[in-house]
Amino acid sequence: VQLQASGGGLVQAGDSLRLSCAASGRTFSSVAMAWFRQAPGKEREFVAVINWDGSSTYYADSVKGRFTISRDNAKNTVYLQMNSLRPEDTAVYYCAAGRIKWLVTRTSDMDSWGKGTQVTVSS
């Protein structure tokens, strides 16, 4: 699966953004998809994951209640709706395809990575 993330930008605290990740490849609809992020000087961290058919999701505590992951298998696209953004959400956001159908959260569980998209939240 090849992935291309988009939708990042510069916003103010409290604003919303929706990231998209377009995938190519026949296996998209059969694997879990996830979002990670990496802030300057920090390790890449898990943000959210959705299983192969969209029936189950899981979030990092830091984004729970503010971010929503979804997918459209007909369009080979996964989304991350980000509401109530905070300055600490500033990072490069990456989408990733899991190796299996089910919810996974470790970078080592991912098979493919897209190029990141920058999200900057000003206070």
N, C-alpha and C. Protein backbone atom coordinates (compact mmCIF):
# COMPACT_ATOMS: atom_id res chain seq x y z
N VAL A 1 0.84 -1.19 0.00
CA VAL A 1 0.00 0.00 0.00
C VAL A 1 0.88 1.25 0.00
N GLN A 2 0.59 2.14 -0.97
CA GLN A 2 1.30 3.42 -1.00
C GLN A 2 0.35 4.49 -0.47
N LEU A 3 0.90 5.39 0.33
CA LEU A 3 0.06 6.34 1.07
C LEU A 3 0.50 7.77 0.83
N GLN A 4 -0.47 8.68 0.77
CA GLN A 4 -0.18 10.11 0.61
C GLN A 4 -1.10 10.89 1.52
N ALA A 5 -0.51 11.53 2.52
CA ALA A 5 -1.28 12.32 3.47
C ALA A 5 -1.37 13.77 3.01
N SER A 6 -2.47 14.43 3.37
CA SER A 6 -2.67 15.83 3.04
C SER A 6 -3.61 16.46 4.06
N GLY A 7 -3.72 17.79 4.00
CA GLY A 7 -4.68 18.50 4.85
C GLY A 7 -4.09 19.26 6.01
N GLY A 8 -2.80 19.17 6.19
CA GLY A 8 -2.17 19.90 7.28
C GLY A 8 -2.18 21.40 7.03
N GLY A 9 -1.77 22.14 8.04
CA GLY A 9 -1.72 23.58 7.89
C GLY A 9 -1.44 24.29 9.20
N LEU A 10 -1.54 25.60 9.16
CA LEU A 10 -1.34 26.44 10.34
C LEU A 10 -2.70 26.93 10.82
N VAL A 11 -3.03 26.61 12.06
CA VAL A 11 -4.31 27.02 12.63
C VAL A 11 -4.09 27.57 14.03
N GLN A 12 -5.15 28.17 14.57
CA GLN A 12 -5.08 28.67 15.94
C GLN A 12 -5.66 27.64 16.91
N ALA A 13 -5.26 27.77 18.16
CA ALA A 13 -5.79 26.89 19.19
C ALA A 13 -7.32 26.94 19.18
N GLY A 14 -7.92 25.78 19.27
CA GLY A 14 -9.38 25.69 19.24
C GLY A 14 -9.97 25.42 17.88
N ASP A 15 -9.17 25.58 16.85
CA ASP A 15 -9.64 25.35 15.48
C ASP A 15 -9.68 23.85 15.18
N SER A 16 -10.17 23.55 13.97
CA SER A 16 -10.27 22.17 13.51
C SER A 16 -9.53 22.00 12.18
N LEU A 17 -9.10 20.79 11.93
CA LEU A 17 -8.49 20.40 10.66
C LEU A 17 -8.92 18.97 10.37
N ARG A 18 -9.00 18.65 9.09
CA ARG A 18 -9.22 17.25 8.70
C ARG A 18 -8.09 16.81 7.79
N LEU A 19 -7.39 15.79 8.24
CA LEU A 19 -6.34 15.19 7.44
C LEU A 19 -6.93 14.05 6.61
N SER A 20 -6.38 13.88 5.42
CA SER A 20 -6.77 12.77 4.56
C SER A 20 -5.53 11.98 4.19
N CYS A 21 -5.72 10.71 3.94
CA CYS A 21 -4.63 9.85 3.50
C CYS A 21 -5.17 8.96 2.39
N ALA A 22 -4.71 9.22 1.18
CA ALA A 22 -5.14 8.44 0.02
C ALA A 22 -4.20 7.27 -0.17
N ALA A 23 -4.78 6.11 -0.39
CA ALA A 23 -3.98 4.89 -0.53
C ALA A 23 -4.16 4.28 -1.92
N SER A 24 -3.11 3.68 -2.38
CA SER A 24 -3.19 2.91 -3.61
C SER A 24 -2.77 1.49 -3.30
N GLY A 25 -3.35 0.55 -4.00
CA GLY A 25 -3.03 -0.84 -3.71
C GLY A 25 -4.27 -1.62 -3.34
N ARG A 26 -4.25 -2.90 -3.67
CA ARG A 26 -5.45 -3.72 -3.49
C ARG A 26 -5.72 -4.10 -2.06
N THR A 27 -4.73 -3.93 -1.17
CA THR A 27 -4.90 -4.43 0.19
C THR A 27 -5.46 -3.42 1.16
N PHE A 28 -5.74 -2.19 0.72
CA PHE A 28 -6.16 -1.14 1.65
C PHE A 28 -7.33 -1.58 2.50
N SER A 29 -8.37 -2.13 1.87
CA SER A 29 -9.59 -2.44 2.60
C SER A 29 -9.46 -3.67 3.51
N SER A 30 -8.31 -4.31 3.51
CA SER A 30 -8.13 -5.50 4.33
C SER A 30 -7.16 -5.29 5.48
N VAL A 31 -6.71 -4.07 5.70
CA VAL A 31 -5.76 -3.82 6.78
C VAL A 31 -6.22 -2.65 7.64
N ALA A 32 -5.74 -2.64 8.87
CA ALA A 32 -5.98 -1.50 9.74
C ALA A 32 -5.17 -0.30 9.24
N MET A 33 -5.69 0.90 9.53
CA MET A 33 -4.99 2.13 9.18
C MET A 33 -4.83 2.99 10.42
N ALA A 34 -3.70 3.69 10.50
CA ALA A 34 -3.41 4.46 11.70
C ALA A 34 -2.81 5.81 11.37
N TRP A 35 -2.88 6.69 12.33
CA TRP A 35 -2.20 7.97 12.29
C TRP A 35 -1.21 8.04 13.44
N PHE A 36 -0.03 8.54 13.12
CA PHE A 36 1.00 8.81 14.11
C PHE A 36 1.41 10.28 13.95
N ARG A 37 2.15 10.78 14.91
CA ARG A 37 2.69 12.13 14.78
C ARG A 37 4.06 12.21 15.42
N GLN A 38 4.83 13.18 14.96
CA GLN A 38 6.18 13.38 15.50
C GLN A 38 6.46 14.86 15.61
N ALA A 39 6.67 15.30 16.85
CA ALA A 39 7.02 16.68 17.12
C ALA A 39 8.54 16.81 17.10
N PRO A 40 9.05 18.02 16.87
CA PRO A 40 10.50 18.21 16.84
C PRO A 40 11.17 17.72 18.12
N GLY A 41 12.21 16.92 17.94
CA GLY A 41 12.95 16.43 19.09
C GLY A 41 12.30 15.31 19.86
N LYS A 42 11.17 14.82 19.37
CA LYS A 42 10.45 13.74 20.07
C LYS A 42 10.32 12.53 19.17
N GLU A 43 10.03 11.40 19.80
CA GLU A 43 9.80 10.18 19.03
C GLU A 43 8.43 10.21 18.38
N ARG A 44 8.29 9.43 17.33
CA ARG A 44 7.00 9.28 16.67
C ARG A 44 6.04 8.59 17.64
N GLU A 45 4.83 9.14 17.75
CA GLU A 45 3.88 8.57 18.69
C GLU A 45 2.55 8.23 18.02
N PHE A 46 1.92 7.23 18.56
CA PHE A 46 0.62 6.78 18.07
C PHE A 46 -0.45 7.83 18.37
N VAL A 47 -1.37 8.01 17.41
CA VAL A 47 -2.49 8.93 17.60
C VAL A 47 -3.83 8.19 17.57
N ALA A 48 -4.08 7.44 16.48
CA ALA A 48 -5.37 6.77 16.34
C ALA A 48 -5.24 5.63 15.34
N VAL A 49 -6.13 4.64 15.47
CA VAL A 49 -6.15 3.51 14.56
C VAL A 49 -7.58 3.09 14.32
N ILE A 50 -7.83 2.55 13.12
CA ILE A 50 -9.15 2.05 12.75
C ILE A 50 -8.96 0.68 12.10
N ASN A 51 -9.86 -0.25 12.41
CA ASN A 51 -9.68 -1.59 11.86
C ASN A 51 -10.11 -1.63 10.39
N TRP A 52 -10.01 -2.78 9.80
CA TRP A 52 -10.15 -2.91 8.35
C TRP A 52 -11.49 -2.45 7.80
N ASP A 53 -12.57 -2.65 8.55
CA ASP A 53 -13.89 -2.28 8.02
C ASP A 53 -14.47 -1.06 8.71
N GLY A 54 -13.70 -0.41 9.56
CA GLY A 54 -14.17 0.80 10.21
C GLY A 54 -15.06 0.59 11.40
N SER A 55 -15.22 -0.65 11.85
CA SER A 55 -16.14 -0.93 12.94
C SER A 55 -15.53 -0.70 14.32
N SER A 56 -14.23 -0.51 14.36
CA SER A 56 -13.57 -0.36 15.66
C SER A 56 -12.43 0.66 15.54
N THR A 57 -12.30 1.49 16.58
CA THR A 57 -11.24 2.50 16.61
C THR A 57 -10.60 2.53 17.99
N TYR A 58 -9.44 3.14 18.04
CA TYR A 58 -8.72 3.29 19.31
C TYR A 58 -7.87 4.55 19.23
N TYR A 59 -7.81 5.29 20.36
CA TYR A 59 -7.13 6.58 20.36
C TYR A 59 -6.12 6.68 21.50
N ALA A 60 -5.11 7.50 21.27
CA ALA A 60 -4.21 7.88 22.36
C ALA A 60 -5.00 8.74 23.34
N ASP A 61 -4.66 8.63 24.60
CA ASP A 61 -5.38 9.40 25.62
C ASP A 61 -5.33 10.90 25.35
N SER A 62 -4.23 11.35 24.77
CA SER A 62 -4.02 12.78 24.56
C SER A 62 -4.99 13.38 23.53
N VAL A 63 -5.59 12.54 22.69
CA VAL A 63 -6.48 13.04 21.64
C VAL A 63 -7.91 12.53 21.78
N LYS A 64 -8.14 11.64 22.71
CA LYS A 64 -9.46 11.04 22.89
C LYS A 64 -10.49 12.12 23.15
N GLY A 65 -11.60 12.05 22.43
CA GLY A 65 -12.66 13.04 22.59
C GLY A 65 -12.50 14.26 21.70
N ARG A 66 -11.33 14.42 21.11
CA ARG A 66 -11.09 15.58 20.22
C ARG A 66 -10.86 15.15 18.77
N PHE A 67 -10.23 14.01 18.57
CA PHE A 67 -9.91 13.52 17.23
C PHE A 67 -10.82 12.33 16.89
N THR A 68 -11.13 12.21 15.60
CA THR A 68 -11.92 11.07 15.12
C THR A 68 -11.28 10.51 13.86
N ILE A 69 -11.00 9.23 13.88
CA ILE A 69 -10.47 8.56 12.70
C ILE A 69 -11.62 7.86 11.99
N SER A 70 -11.59 7.89 10.66
CA SER A 70 -12.61 7.21 9.87
C SER A 70 -11.98 6.76 8.56
N ARG A 71 -12.70 5.94 7.83
CA ARG A 71 -12.17 5.46 6.55
C ARG A 71 -13.32 5.26 5.57
N ASP A 72 -12.98 5.38 4.30
CA ASP A 72 -13.91 5.11 3.21
C ASP A 72 -13.21 4.13 2.28
N ASN A 73 -13.54 2.88 2.41
CA ASN A 73 -12.85 1.86 1.63
C ASN A 73 -13.16 1.96 0.14
N ALA A 74 -14.30 2.53 -0.20
CA ALA A 74 -14.63 2.72 -1.60
C ALA A 74 -13.72 3.75 -2.25
N LYS A 75 -13.22 4.67 -1.43
CA LYS A 75 -12.34 5.73 -1.93
C LYS A 75 -10.88 5.49 -1.55
N ASN A 76 -10.60 4.37 -0.89
CA ASN A 76 -9.24 4.07 -0.45
C ASN A 76 -8.64 5.23 0.33
N THR A 77 -9.41 5.77 1.25
CA THR A 77 -8.97 6.94 1.99
C THR A 77 -9.29 6.79 3.48
N VAL A 78 -8.37 7.25 4.29
CA VAL A 78 -8.58 7.32 5.74
C VAL A 78 -8.46 8.78 6.16
N TYR A 79 -9.25 9.15 7.14
CA TYR A 79 -9.33 10.54 7.58
C TYR A 79 -8.99 10.67 9.06
N LEU A 80 -8.55 11.87 9.43
CA LEU A 80 -8.40 12.20 10.84
C LEU A 80 -9.00 13.57 11.04
N GLN A 81 -10.17 13.61 11.66
CA GLN A 81 -10.81 14.87 12.01
C GLN A 81 -10.26 15.32 13.35
N MET A 82 -9.68 16.51 13.37
CA MET A 82 -9.06 17.03 14.58
C MET A 82 -9.78 18.29 15.02
N ASN A 83 -10.41 18.23 16.17
CA ASN A 83 -11.14 19.37 16.73
C ASN A 83 -10.45 19.86 17.99
N SER A 84 -10.79 21.06 18.38
CA SER A 84 -10.25 21.65 19.62
C SER A 84 -8.73 21.52 19.66
N LEU A 85 -8.09 21.89 18.60
CA LEU A 85 -6.64 21.72 18.50
C LEU A 85 -5.91 22.57 19.54
N ARG A 86 -4.80 22.02 20.00
CA ARG A 86 -3.97 22.66 21.02
C ARG A 86 -2.56 22.84 20.49
N PRO A 87 -1.81 23.77 21.03
CA PRO A 87 -0.42 23.93 20.59
C PRO A 87 0.40 22.64 20.70
N GLU A 88 0.10 21.83 21.68
CA GLU A 88 0.85 20.57 21.85
C GLU A 88 0.49 19.52 20.80
N ASP A 89 -0.49 19.81 19.95
CA ASP A 89 -0.79 18.92 18.83
C ASP A 89 0.11 19.21 17.63
N THR A 90 0.91 20.25 17.72
CA THR A 90 1.82 20.60 16.63
C THR A 90 2.81 19.47 16.38
N ALA A 91 2.85 19.01 15.14
CA ALA A 91 3.70 17.87 14.77
C ALA A 91 3.55 17.61 13.28
N VAL A 92 4.41 16.74 12.79
CA VAL A 92 4.20 16.16 11.47
C VAL A 92 3.36 14.91 11.67
N TYR A 93 2.27 14.83 10.93
CA TYR A 93 1.34 13.70 11.06
C TYR A 93 1.55 12.72 9.90
N TYR A 94 1.63 11.45 10.25
CA TYR A 94 1.87 10.39 9.28
C TYR A 94 0.71 9.39 9.31
N CYS A 95 0.29 8.96 8.13
CA CYS A 95 -0.63 7.83 8.08
C CYS A 95 0.18 6.57 7.81
N ALA A 96 -0.36 5.47 8.27
CA ALA A 96 0.34 4.20 8.14
C ALA A 96 -0.65 3.06 7.95
N ALA A 97 -0.23 2.05 7.21
CA ALA A 97 -1.05 0.86 6.99
C ALA A 97 -0.53 -0.26 7.86
N GLY A 98 -1.43 -0.89 8.60
CA GLY A 98 -1.03 -1.99 9.45
C GLY A 98 -0.75 -3.26 8.67
N ARG A 99 -0.14 -4.23 9.35
CA ARG A 99 0.14 -5.51 8.71
C ARG A 99 -1.06 -6.44 8.77
N ILE A 100 -2.01 -6.13 9.63
CA ILE A 100 -3.16 -7.01 9.84
C ILE A 100 -4.44 -6.19 9.87
N LYS A 101 -5.59 -6.92 9.98
CA LYS A 101 -6.90 -6.26 9.98
C LYS A 101 -7.20 -5.50 11.26
N TRP A 102 -6.64 -5.97 12.35
CA TRP A 102 -7.11 -5.52 13.66
C TRP A 102 -6.32 -4.32 14.19
N LEU A 103 -6.79 -3.79 15.31
CA LEU A 103 -6.21 -2.58 15.89
C LEU A 103 -4.79 -2.84 16.38
N VAL A 104 -3.87 -2.05 15.89
CA VAL A 104 -2.47 -2.12 16.30
C VAL A 104 -1.97 -0.71 16.51
N THR A 105 -1.02 -0.53 17.42
CA THR A 105 -0.60 0.82 17.79
C THR A 105 0.90 1.07 17.75
N ARG A 106 1.70 0.06 17.50
CA ARG A 106 3.14 0.25 17.52
C ARG A 106 3.66 0.54 16.11
N THR A 107 4.72 1.33 16.03
CA THR A 107 5.29 1.61 14.72
C THR A 107 5.75 0.32 14.04
N SER A 108 6.18 -0.65 14.82
CA SER A 108 6.64 -1.92 14.26
C SER A 108 5.49 -2.77 13.70
N ASP A 109 4.25 -2.39 14.04
CA ASP A 109 3.09 -3.10 13.51
C ASP A 109 2.67 -2.59 12.13
N MET A 110 3.30 -1.52 11.67
CA MET A 110 2.91 -0.89 10.41
C MET A 110 3.76 -1.39 9.25
N ASP A 111 3.10 -1.54 8.13
CA ASP A 111 3.77 -2.08 6.94
C ASP A 111 4.19 -1.00 5.97
N SER A 112 3.40 0.08 5.90
CA SER A 112 3.67 1.17 4.95
C SER A 112 3.43 2.50 5.63
N TRP A 113 4.21 3.49 5.21
CA TRP A 113 4.09 4.84 5.77
C TRP A 113 3.96 5.84 4.63
N GLY A 114 3.15 6.86 4.84
CA GLY A 114 3.09 7.96 3.91
C GLY A 114 4.04 9.05 4.34
N LYS A 115 4.28 9.98 3.42
CA LYS A 115 5.03 11.17 3.80
C LYS A 115 4.14 12.00 4.70
N GLY A 116 4.72 12.65 5.65
CA GLY A 116 3.93 13.37 6.63
C GLY A 116 3.36 14.68 6.13
N THR A 117 2.41 15.19 6.89
CA THR A 117 1.84 16.51 6.64
C THR A 117 1.95 17.32 7.93
N GLN A 118 2.42 18.55 7.79
CA GLN A 118 2.70 19.38 8.96
C GLN A 118 1.42 20.01 9.49
N VAL A 119 1.23 19.89 10.79
CA VAL A 119 0.15 20.58 11.50
C VAL A 119 0.78 21.48 12.54
N THR A 120 0.48 22.76 12.47
CA THR A 120 1.01 23.73 13.41
C THR A 120 -0.15 24.47 14.06
N VAL A 121 -0.19 24.44 15.39
CA VAL A 121 -1.27 25.09 16.13
C VAL A 121 -0.66 26.21 16.96
N SER A 122 -1.09 27.42 16.68
CA SER A 122 -0.58 28.58 17.41
C SER A 122 -1.49 28.90 18.59
N SER A 123 -0.88 29.44 19.63
CA SER A 123 -1.65 29.76 20.85
C SER A 123 -2.25 31.15 20.78
